[in-house]
Amino acid sequence: MAEVEIPDDPHFIRRNGGWFRPNAQGYTTRVVEAGLFSGEVARAYLRDCDGISIHRMTSVQIDLAEEIIQARQALARCEAAYARASGGAPFNRSNVVKLVTPALLAQADGGEHAE
């Protein structure tokens, strides 16, 4: 069987509809959770496994755009629910500082304010 021409730039790998997770540790239906693999690794999977398809990063931009849209819609729903639950106060750090533990607050802002 002839080697398929796959450039060395990063690729996503799918098998039977599921995206390979980073380091090929299982599968996901969400491209945002998928891992990136070198052309060499992609060629090896394509050669050695059935049901494999290889996708360049640019070919999944529509899937990623859909993930972003869905995430923004979910965020808007959460913020609206927060506003309803708080009597109309918008979600921001000063409005929630008394409601959460310091550890949770530190986790929310990347640990910058851990105590």
N, C-alpha and C. Protein backbone atom coordinates (compact mmCIF):
# COMPACT_ATOMS: atom_id res chain seq x y z
N MET A 1 0.84 -1.19 0.00
CA MET A 1 0.00 0.00 0.00
C MET A 1 0.89 1.25 0.00
N ALA A 2 0.58 2.21 -0.85
CA ALA A 2 1.37 3.44 -0.96
C ALA A 2 1.10 4.35 0.23
N GLU A 3 2.15 5.02 0.67
CA GLU A 3 2.03 5.97 1.78
C GLU A 3 1.19 7.16 1.34
N VAL A 4 0.25 7.57 2.16
CA VAL A 4 -0.60 8.72 1.85
C VAL A 4 0.19 9.99 2.12
N GLU A 5 0.03 10.96 1.24
CA GLU A 5 0.74 12.25 1.39
C GLU A 5 0.06 13.06 2.48
N ILE A 6 0.71 13.17 3.62
CA ILE A 6 0.19 13.96 4.74
C ILE A 6 1.32 14.88 5.19
N PRO A 7 1.11 16.19 5.14
CA PRO A 7 2.16 17.13 5.56
C PRO A 7 2.51 16.94 7.04
N ASP A 8 3.64 17.48 7.44
CA ASP A 8 4.12 17.32 8.82
C ASP A 8 3.45 18.26 9.82
N ASP A 9 2.64 19.21 9.37
CA ASP A 9 2.00 20.13 10.31
C ASP A 9 0.98 19.37 11.16
N PRO A 10 0.51 19.96 12.26
CA PRO A 10 -0.40 19.25 13.19
C PRO A 10 -1.74 18.89 12.54
N HIS A 11 -2.25 17.74 12.98
CA HIS A 11 -3.51 17.21 12.48
C HIS A 11 -4.37 16.70 13.63
N PHE A 12 -5.67 16.67 13.38
CA PHE A 12 -6.60 15.97 14.25
C PHE A 12 -6.83 14.60 13.62
N ILE A 13 -7.10 13.62 14.46
CA ILE A 13 -7.35 12.26 13.97
C ILE A 13 -8.72 11.81 14.45
N ARG A 14 -9.49 11.24 13.51
CA ARG A 14 -10.80 10.68 13.85
C ARG A 14 -10.81 9.20 13.55
N ARG A 15 -11.55 8.48 14.36
CA ARG A 15 -11.76 7.06 14.10
C ARG A 15 -13.22 6.76 14.36
N ASN A 16 -13.87 6.30 13.30
CA ASN A 16 -15.29 5.92 13.39
C ASN A 16 -16.12 7.03 14.04
N GLY A 17 -15.84 8.28 13.69
CA GLY A 17 -16.64 9.41 14.17
C GLY A 17 -16.16 10.07 15.44
N GLY A 18 -15.22 9.46 16.16
CA GLY A 18 -14.72 10.06 17.39
C GLY A 18 -13.34 10.66 17.19
N TRP A 19 -13.12 11.84 17.75
CA TRP A 19 -11.81 12.51 17.68
C TRP A 19 -10.88 11.88 18.71
N PHE A 20 -9.63 11.65 18.34
CA PHE A 20 -8.64 11.18 19.30
C PHE A 20 -8.40 12.29 20.32
N ARG A 21 -8.39 11.93 21.59
CA ARG A 21 -8.02 12.86 22.64
C ARG A 21 -6.49 13.04 22.63
N PRO A 22 -5.97 14.04 23.37
CA PRO A 22 -4.51 14.21 23.42
C PRO A 22 -3.81 12.90 23.81
N ASN A 23 -2.68 12.66 23.18
CA ASN A 23 -1.89 11.45 23.40
C ASN A 23 -2.66 10.18 23.08
N ALA A 24 -3.70 10.30 22.26
CA ALA A 24 -4.53 9.16 21.85
C ALA A 24 -5.11 8.43 23.06
N GLN A 25 -5.47 9.19 24.10
CA GLN A 25 -6.05 8.62 25.32
C GLN A 25 -7.56 8.64 25.25
N GLY A 26 -8.11 7.82 24.38
CA GLY A 26 -9.56 7.72 24.24
C GLY A 26 -10.08 8.63 23.14
N TYR A 27 -11.41 8.71 23.07
CA TYR A 27 -12.09 9.46 22.02
C TYR A 27 -13.02 10.50 22.62
N THR A 28 -13.36 11.49 21.81
CA THR A 28 -14.34 12.50 22.20
C THR A 28 -15.16 12.87 20.97
N THR A 29 -16.39 13.28 21.19
CA THR A 29 -17.23 13.76 20.09
C THR A 29 -17.00 15.25 19.84
N ARG A 30 -16.26 15.91 20.74
CA ARG A 30 -16.04 17.36 20.65
C ARG A 30 -14.63 17.66 20.18
N VAL A 31 -14.51 18.35 19.06
CA VAL A 31 -13.20 18.65 18.51
C VAL A 31 -12.38 19.52 19.46
N VAL A 32 -13.04 20.32 20.28
CA VAL A 32 -12.32 21.18 21.23
C VAL A 32 -11.57 20.35 22.27
N GLU A 33 -11.96 19.12 22.48
CA GLU A 33 -11.29 18.23 23.43
C GLU A 33 -10.29 17.30 22.74
N ALA A 34 -10.16 17.43 21.43
CA ALA A 34 -9.30 16.54 20.66
C ALA A 34 -7.83 16.95 20.77
N GLY A 35 -6.97 15.99 20.56
CA GLY A 35 -5.54 16.26 20.56
C GLY A 35 -5.03 16.57 19.16
N LEU A 36 -3.88 17.18 19.10
CA LEU A 36 -3.20 17.44 17.83
C LEU A 36 -2.03 16.47 17.71
N PHE A 37 -1.83 15.98 16.48
CA PHE A 37 -0.81 14.98 16.24
C PHE A 37 0.04 15.38 15.04
N SER A 38 1.31 15.05 15.09
CA SER A 38 2.22 15.36 13.99
C SER A 38 1.81 14.58 12.75
N GLY A 39 2.29 15.03 11.61
CA GLY A 39 2.05 14.31 10.37
C GLY A 39 2.56 12.88 10.44
N GLU A 40 3.70 12.70 11.08
CA GLU A 40 4.28 11.35 11.21
C GLU A 40 3.36 10.43 11.99
N VAL A 41 2.83 10.92 13.10
CA VAL A 41 1.91 10.10 13.91
C VAL A 41 0.62 9.85 13.14
N ALA A 42 0.11 10.87 12.48
CA ALA A 42 -1.12 10.72 11.69
C ALA A 42 -0.93 9.67 10.60
N ARG A 43 0.20 9.69 9.91
CA ARG A 43 0.47 8.70 8.86
C ARG A 43 0.51 7.29 9.44
N ALA A 44 1.10 7.14 10.61
CA ALA A 44 1.19 5.82 11.24
C ALA A 44 -0.19 5.27 11.57
N TYR A 45 -1.05 6.12 12.16
CA TYR A 45 -2.41 5.66 12.48
C TYR A 45 -3.17 5.33 11.21
N LEU A 46 -3.04 6.14 10.19
CA LEU A 46 -3.74 5.91 8.93
C LEU A 46 -3.29 4.59 8.31
N ARG A 47 -2.01 4.29 8.41
CA ARG A 47 -1.45 3.07 7.85
C ARG A 47 -1.86 1.83 8.66
N ASP A 48 -1.93 1.98 9.99
CA ASP A 48 -2.05 0.81 10.85
C ASP A 48 -3.45 0.52 11.40
N CYS A 49 -4.39 1.45 11.26
CA CYS A 49 -5.70 1.28 11.89
C CYS A 49 -6.82 1.48 10.87
N ASP A 50 -7.89 0.74 11.02
CA ASP A 50 -9.08 0.91 10.18
C ASP A 50 -9.94 2.05 10.72
N GLY A 51 -10.72 2.65 9.84
CA GLY A 51 -11.68 3.68 10.25
C GLY A 51 -11.07 5.02 10.58
N ILE A 52 -9.83 5.27 10.18
CA ILE A 52 -9.11 6.50 10.52
C ILE A 52 -9.30 7.55 9.42
N SER A 53 -9.51 8.79 9.84
CA SER A 53 -9.46 9.92 8.92
C SER A 53 -8.61 11.01 9.57
N ILE A 54 -7.86 11.71 8.73
CA ILE A 54 -6.93 12.73 9.18
C ILE A 54 -7.46 14.10 8.76
N HIS A 55 -7.39 15.08 9.66
CA HIS A 55 -7.96 16.40 9.39
C HIS A 55 -6.94 17.47 9.77
N ARG A 56 -6.60 18.32 8.81
CA ARG A 56 -5.71 19.45 9.10
C ARG A 56 -6.45 20.42 10.02
N MET A 57 -5.69 21.22 10.75
CA MET A 57 -6.29 22.16 11.70
C MET A 57 -7.29 23.08 11.00
N THR A 58 -6.96 23.54 9.81
CA THR A 58 -7.85 24.47 9.11
C THR A 58 -9.17 23.83 8.72
N SER A 59 -9.20 22.51 8.57
CA SER A 59 -10.43 21.85 8.14
C SER A 59 -11.46 21.73 9.26
N VAL A 60 -11.07 21.98 10.49
CA VAL A 60 -12.01 21.87 11.61
C VAL A 60 -12.44 23.23 12.16
N GLN A 61 -12.09 24.29 11.46
CA GLN A 61 -12.45 25.63 11.95
C GLN A 61 -13.96 25.80 12.10
N ILE A 62 -14.75 25.22 11.23
CA ILE A 62 -16.21 25.33 11.36
C ILE A 62 -16.67 24.62 12.62
N ASP A 63 -16.13 23.43 12.89
CA ASP A 63 -16.48 22.71 14.12
C ASP A 63 -16.10 23.53 15.35
N LEU A 64 -14.92 24.12 15.33
CA LEU A 64 -14.48 24.94 16.46
C LEU A 64 -15.34 26.19 16.61
N ALA A 65 -15.72 26.80 15.49
CA ALA A 65 -16.60 27.97 15.54
C ALA A 65 -17.94 27.60 16.17
N GLU A 66 -18.47 26.42 15.82
CA GLU A 66 -19.73 25.97 16.42
C GLU A 66 -19.57 25.76 17.92
N GLU A 67 -18.44 25.21 18.35
CA GLU A 67 -18.17 25.03 19.79
C GLU A 67 -18.14 26.38 20.50
N ILE A 68 -17.50 27.37 19.87
CA ILE A 68 -17.43 28.71 20.47
C ILE A 68 -18.82 29.31 20.59
N ILE A 69 -19.62 29.20 19.55
CA ILE A 69 -20.99 29.73 19.57
C ILE A 69 -21.79 29.06 20.69
N GLN A 70 -21.70 27.74 20.79
CA GLN A 70 -22.43 27.03 21.83
C GLN A 70 -21.95 27.43 23.23
N ALA A 71 -20.65 27.61 23.39
CA ALA A 71 -20.12 28.02 24.69
C ALA A 71 -20.59 29.43 25.07
N ARG A 72 -20.60 30.33 24.09
CA ARG A 72 -21.07 31.69 24.37
C ARG A 72 -22.55 31.70 24.72
N GLN A 73 -23.33 30.86 24.04
CA GLN A 73 -24.76 30.78 24.35
C GLN A 73 -24.97 30.21 25.75
N ALA A 74 -24.20 29.20 26.10
CA ALA A 74 -24.30 28.63 27.45
C ALA A 74 -23.90 29.65 28.50
N LEU A 75 -22.85 30.40 28.25
CA LEU A 75 -22.42 31.44 29.18
C LEU A 75 -23.50 32.50 29.35
N ALA A 76 -24.12 32.91 28.26
CA ALA A 76 -25.20 33.91 28.33
C ALA A 76 -26.37 33.37 29.16
N ARG A 77 -26.70 32.09 28.99
CA ARG A 77 -27.78 31.49 29.78
C ARG A 77 -27.42 31.47 31.26
N CYS A 78 -26.18 31.12 31.57
CA CYS A 78 -25.73 31.10 32.97
C CYS A 78 -25.75 32.49 33.59
N GLU A 79 -25.28 33.48 32.83
CA GLU A 79 -25.28 34.85 33.36
C GLU A 79 -26.71 35.36 33.57
N ALA A 80 -27.62 35.00 32.67
CA ALA A 80 -29.02 35.40 32.83
C ALA A 80 -29.63 34.73 34.06
N ALA A 81 -29.32 33.46 34.26
CA ALA A 81 -29.84 32.74 35.43
C ALA A 81 -29.27 33.35 36.71
N TYR A 82 -27.99 33.71 36.69
CA TYR A 82 -27.38 34.35 37.85
C TYR A 82 -28.09 35.67 38.15
N ALA A 83 -28.34 36.45 37.12
CA ALA A 83 -29.01 37.75 37.31
C ALA A 83 -30.40 37.54 37.90
N ARG A 84 -31.12 36.53 37.41
CA ARG A 84 -32.46 36.25 37.97
C ARG A 84 -32.36 35.85 39.43
N ALA A 85 -31.38 34.98 39.75
CA ALA A 85 -31.23 34.47 41.12
C ALA A 85 -30.74 35.55 42.08
N SER A 86 -30.05 36.56 41.56
CA SER A 86 -29.50 37.59 42.44
C SER A 86 -30.33 38.87 42.43
N GLY A 87 -31.52 38.80 41.88
CA GLY A 87 -32.38 39.97 41.86
C GLY A 87 -31.95 41.01 40.85
N GLY A 88 -31.28 40.58 39.81
CA GLY A 88 -30.90 41.49 38.74
C GLY A 88 -29.46 41.94 38.72
N ALA A 89 -28.68 41.55 39.73
CA ALA A 89 -27.27 41.95 39.75
C ALA A 89 -26.51 41.17 38.70
N PRO A 90 -25.70 41.85 37.90
CA PRO A 90 -24.92 41.12 36.89
C PRO A 90 -23.82 40.30 37.54
N PHE A 91 -23.38 39.28 36.83
CA PHE A 91 -22.30 38.46 37.33
C PHE A 91 -20.98 39.20 37.16
N ASN A 92 -20.28 39.43 38.25
CA ASN A 92 -18.91 39.94 38.22
C ASN A 92 -18.25 39.60 39.55
N ARG A 93 -16.98 39.77 39.61
CA ARG A 93 -16.21 39.36 40.79
C ARG A 93 -16.73 40.00 42.08
N SER A 94 -17.00 41.29 42.06
CA SER A 94 -17.42 41.95 43.30
C SER A 94 -18.78 41.47 43.78
N ASN A 95 -19.64 41.03 42.85
CA ASN A 95 -20.97 40.55 43.26
C ASN A 95 -20.94 39.15 43.86
N VAL A 96 -19.90 38.38 43.57
CA VAL A 96 -19.89 37.01 44.06
C VAL A 96 -18.83 36.75 45.13
N VAL A 97 -17.99 37.73 45.42
CA VAL A 97 -16.89 37.49 46.33
C VAL A 97 -17.35 36.98 47.70
N LYS A 98 -18.49 37.39 48.15
CA LYS A 98 -18.99 36.94 49.46
C LYS A 98 -19.69 35.59 49.38
N LEU A 99 -19.97 35.13 48.14
CA LEU A 99 -20.72 33.89 47.98
C LEU A 99 -19.86 32.66 47.78
N VAL A 100 -18.60 32.84 47.50
CA VAL A 100 -17.75 31.69 47.19
C VAL A 100 -16.57 31.63 48.14
N THR A 101 -16.02 30.46 48.25
CA THR A 101 -14.85 30.29 49.10
C THR A 101 -13.62 30.86 48.41
N PRO A 102 -12.60 31.26 49.15
CA PRO A 102 -11.37 31.76 48.52
C PRO A 102 -10.76 30.76 47.54
N ALA A 103 -10.83 29.47 47.86
CA ALA A 103 -10.26 28.46 46.97
C ALA A 103 -10.99 28.43 45.63
N LEU A 104 -12.32 28.50 45.68
CA LEU A 104 -13.09 28.50 44.45
C LEU A 104 -12.82 29.77 43.65
N LEU A 105 -12.73 30.90 44.33
CA LEU A 105 -12.43 32.17 43.66
C LEU A 105 -11.05 32.11 43.00
N ALA A 106 -10.08 31.53 43.69
CA ALA A 106 -8.74 31.40 43.12
C ALA A 106 -8.76 30.51 41.89
N GLN A 107 -9.54 29.45 41.95
CA GLN A 107 -9.66 28.55 40.79
C GLN A 107 -10.29 29.28 39.61
N ALA A 108 -11.27 30.11 39.87
CA ALA A 108 -11.97 30.83 38.81
C ALA A 108 -11.08 31.82 38.10
N ASP A 109 -10.10 32.41 38.80
CA ASP A 109 -9.24 33.40 38.14
C ASP A 109 -7.83 32.88 37.91
N GLY A 110 -7.68 31.56 37.85
CA GLY A 110 -6.40 30.97 37.51
C GLY A 110 -5.41 30.92 38.65
N GLY A 111 -5.86 31.08 39.86
CA GLY A 111 -5.00 30.99 41.02
C GLY A 111 -4.26 32.25 41.38
N GLU A 112 -4.54 33.35 40.68
CA GLU A 112 -3.82 34.60 40.93
C GLU A 112 -4.09 35.18 42.31
N HIS A 113 -5.24 34.87 42.89
CA HIS A 113 -5.61 35.46 44.17
C HIS A 113 -5.74 34.41 45.28
N ALA A 114 -5.03 33.30 45.13
CA ALA A 114 -5.09 32.27 46.15
C ALA A 114 -4.56 32.80 47.47
N GLU A 115 -5.21 32.38 48.53
CA GLU A 115 -4.79 32.86 49.85
C GLU A 115 -4.11 31.76 50.61
